[in-house]
Amino acid sequence: MHDATEEATLIDVELVARQLDLGIQRYWGADHGIGSDELRATARDIMAARQRSGRAR
């Protein structure tokens, strides 16, 4: 069960990172210079903050 939870979390991180990337691209353009590692780290931070505030999806 633990592996399934980890996999779901990774999928959620990738989804949030992609949403961030699309939003940044709309504002700054496709060559915004923010790497995928930074986007995933920010996505993890967002998800952790949502869990702490009770707004987790």
N, C-alpha and C. Protein backbone atom coordinates (compact mmCIF):
# COMPACT_ATOMS: atom_id res chain seq x y z
N MET A 1 0.82 -1.19 0.00
CA MET A 1 0.00 0.00 0.00
C MET A 1 0.87 1.26 0.00
N HIS A 2 1.99 1.18 0.69
CA HIS A 2 2.88 2.34 0.77
C HIS A 2 3.38 2.74 -0.61
N ASP A 3 3.70 1.77 -1.45
CA ASP A 3 4.18 2.07 -2.80
C ASP A 3 3.13 2.78 -3.63
N ALA A 4 1.88 2.38 -3.49
CA ALA A 4 0.80 3.02 -4.24
C ALA A 4 0.63 4.47 -3.79
N THR A 5 0.77 4.71 -2.50
CA THR A 5 0.66 6.08 -1.98
C THR A 5 1.79 6.94 -2.50
N GLU A 6 3.00 6.39 -2.49
CA GLU A 6 4.15 7.13 -3.02
C GLU A 6 3.98 7.43 -4.50
N GLU A 7 3.50 6.46 -5.25
CA GLU A 7 3.29 6.65 -6.69
C GLU A 7 2.23 7.72 -6.94
N ALA A 8 1.16 7.70 -6.17
CA ALA A 8 0.10 8.71 -6.32
C ALA A 8 0.65 10.09 -6.00
N THR A 9 1.50 10.18 -4.98
CA THR A 9 2.10 11.46 -4.62
C THR A 9 3.00 11.97 -5.74
N LEU A 10 3.79 11.08 -6.34
CA LEU A 10 4.65 11.48 -7.45
C LEU A 10 3.84 11.97 -8.63
N ILE A 11 2.75 11.31 -8.91
CA ILE A 11 1.87 11.73 -10.01
C ILE A 11 1.28 13.10 -9.70
N ASP A 12 0.86 13.31 -8.45
CA ASP A 12 0.31 14.61 -8.05
C ASP A 12 1.37 15.71 -8.17
N VAL A 13 2.60 15.41 -7.77
CA VAL A 13 3.69 16.39 -7.87
C VAL A 13 3.91 16.75 -9.33
N GLU A 14 3.94 15.76 -10.20
CA GLU A 14 4.14 16.03 -11.63
C GLU A 14 3.00 16.87 -12.20
N LEU A 15 1.77 16.58 -11.78
CA LEU A 15 0.61 17.34 -12.25
C LEU A 15 0.70 18.80 -11.81
N VAL A 16 0.99 19.03 -10.54
CA VAL A 16 1.09 20.40 -10.03
C VAL A 16 2.27 21.12 -10.69
N ALA A 17 3.38 20.42 -10.88
CA ALA A 17 4.53 21.03 -11.55
C ALA A 17 4.18 21.43 -12.98
N ARG A 18 3.44 20.58 -13.66
CA ARG A 18 3.02 20.91 -15.04
C ARG A 18 2.09 22.11 -15.06
N GLN A 19 1.18 22.18 -14.10
CA GLN A 19 0.28 23.33 -14.01
C GLN A 19 1.07 24.61 -13.76
N LEU A 20 2.06 24.53 -12.88
CA LEU A 20 2.92 25.69 -12.64
C LEU A 20 3.64 26.10 -13.92
N ASP A 21 4.20 25.12 -14.62
CA ASP A 21 4.92 25.40 -15.85
C ASP A 21 4.03 26.09 -16.88
N LEU A 22 2.82 25.61 -17.03
CA LEU A 22 1.89 26.22 -17.99
C LEU A 22 1.55 27.65 -17.60
N GLY A 23 1.32 27.88 -16.32
CA GLY A 23 1.03 29.23 -15.86
C GLY A 23 2.20 30.17 -16.07
N ILE A 24 3.39 29.71 -15.78
CA ILE A 24 4.59 30.52 -15.97
C ILE A 24 4.81 30.78 -17.45
N GLN A 25 4.59 29.77 -18.28
CA GLN A 25 4.75 29.96 -19.73
C GLN A 25 3.78 31.01 -20.27
N ARG A 26 2.55 31.01 -19.76
CA ARG A 26 1.58 32.02 -20.21
C ARG A 26 2.07 33.42 -19.90
N TYR A 27 2.71 33.59 -18.75
CA TYR A 27 3.14 34.92 -18.34
C TYR A 27 4.51 35.28 -18.92
N TRP A 28 5.49 34.39 -18.80
CA TRP A 28 6.86 34.69 -19.17
C TRP A 28 7.28 34.14 -20.53
N GLY A 29 6.52 33.21 -21.08
CA GLY A 29 6.90 32.57 -22.33
C GLY A 29 7.56 31.23 -22.08
N ALA A 30 7.71 30.47 -23.14
CA ALA A 30 8.22 29.09 -23.03
C ALA A 30 9.66 29.02 -22.54
N ASP A 31 10.44 30.04 -22.77
CA ASP A 31 11.86 30.05 -22.36
C ASP A 31 12.04 30.77 -21.03
N HIS A 32 11.23 30.42 -20.04
CA HIS A 32 11.25 31.12 -18.76
C HIS A 32 12.47 30.78 -17.91
N GLY A 33 13.15 29.68 -18.20
CA GLY A 33 14.39 29.35 -17.51
C GLY A 33 14.24 28.64 -16.17
N ILE A 34 13.02 28.30 -15.79
CA ILE A 34 12.81 27.57 -14.54
C ILE A 34 12.83 26.09 -14.87
N GLY A 35 13.74 25.37 -14.26
CA GLY A 35 13.91 23.95 -14.57
C GLY A 35 12.87 23.06 -13.92
N SER A 36 12.81 21.84 -14.42
CA SER A 36 11.82 20.88 -13.92
C SER A 36 12.07 20.53 -12.45
N ASP A 37 13.33 20.51 -12.02
CA ASP A 37 13.62 20.23 -10.61
C ASP A 37 13.03 21.31 -9.71
N GLU A 38 13.17 22.56 -10.11
CA GLU A 38 12.62 23.66 -9.33
C GLU A 38 11.09 23.62 -9.32
N LEU A 39 10.51 23.29 -10.47
CA LEU A 39 9.05 23.20 -10.54
C LEU A 39 8.52 22.08 -9.65
N ARG A 40 9.19 20.93 -9.65
CA ARG A 40 8.76 19.82 -8.79
C ARG A 40 8.94 20.16 -7.31
N ALA A 41 10.02 20.84 -6.97
CA ALA A 41 10.24 21.24 -5.57
C ALA A 41 9.15 22.21 -5.12
N THR A 42 8.80 23.15 -5.99
CA THR A 42 7.73 24.09 -5.66
C THR A 42 6.40 23.37 -5.55
N ALA A 43 6.17 22.41 -6.43
CA ALA A 43 4.93 21.63 -6.36
C ALA A 43 4.84 20.87 -5.05
N ARG A 44 5.95 20.27 -4.61
CA ARG A 44 5.95 19.57 -3.32
C ARG A 44 5.66 20.53 -2.18
N ASP A 45 6.23 21.74 -2.24
CA ASP A 45 5.97 22.75 -1.21
C ASP A 45 4.50 23.15 -1.19
N ILE A 46 3.91 23.33 -2.36
CA ILE A 46 2.50 23.69 -2.45
C ILE A 46 1.63 22.59 -1.86
N MET A 47 1.94 21.35 -2.22
CA MET A 47 1.14 20.23 -1.72
C MET A 47 1.27 20.09 -0.20
N ALA A 48 2.47 20.29 0.34
CA ALA A 48 2.67 20.22 1.79
C ALA A 48 1.90 21.33 2.50
N ALA A 49 1.91 22.52 1.92
CA ALA A 49 1.17 23.64 2.51
C ALA A 49 -0.33 23.38 2.49
N ARG A 50 -0.82 22.79 1.41
CA ARG A 50 -2.24 22.44 1.33
C ARG A 50 -2.62 21.43 2.40
N GLN A 51 -1.76 20.45 2.63
CA GLN A 51 -2.05 19.44 3.64
C GLN A 51 -2.07 20.06 5.03
N ARG A 52 -1.12 20.95 5.30
CA ARG A 52 -1.08 21.61 6.62
C ARG A 52 -2.29 22.49 6.84
N SER A 53 -2.78 23.12 5.79
CA SER A 53 -3.92 24.04 5.93
C SER A 53 -5.26 23.31 5.81
N GLY A 54 -5.21 22.02 5.50
CA GLY A 54 -6.46 21.27 5.36
C GLY A 54 -7.11 21.42 3.99
N ARG A 55 -6.37 21.96 3.04
CA ARG A 55 -6.92 22.17 1.69
C ARG A 55 -6.39 21.16 0.69
N ALA A 56 -5.90 20.04 1.16
CA ALA A 56 -5.36 19.01 0.26
C ALA A 56 -6.46 18.46 -0.63
N ARG A 57 -6.08 18.17 -1.87
CA ARG A 57 -7.06 17.61 -2.82
C ARG A 57 -7.09 16.12 -2.72
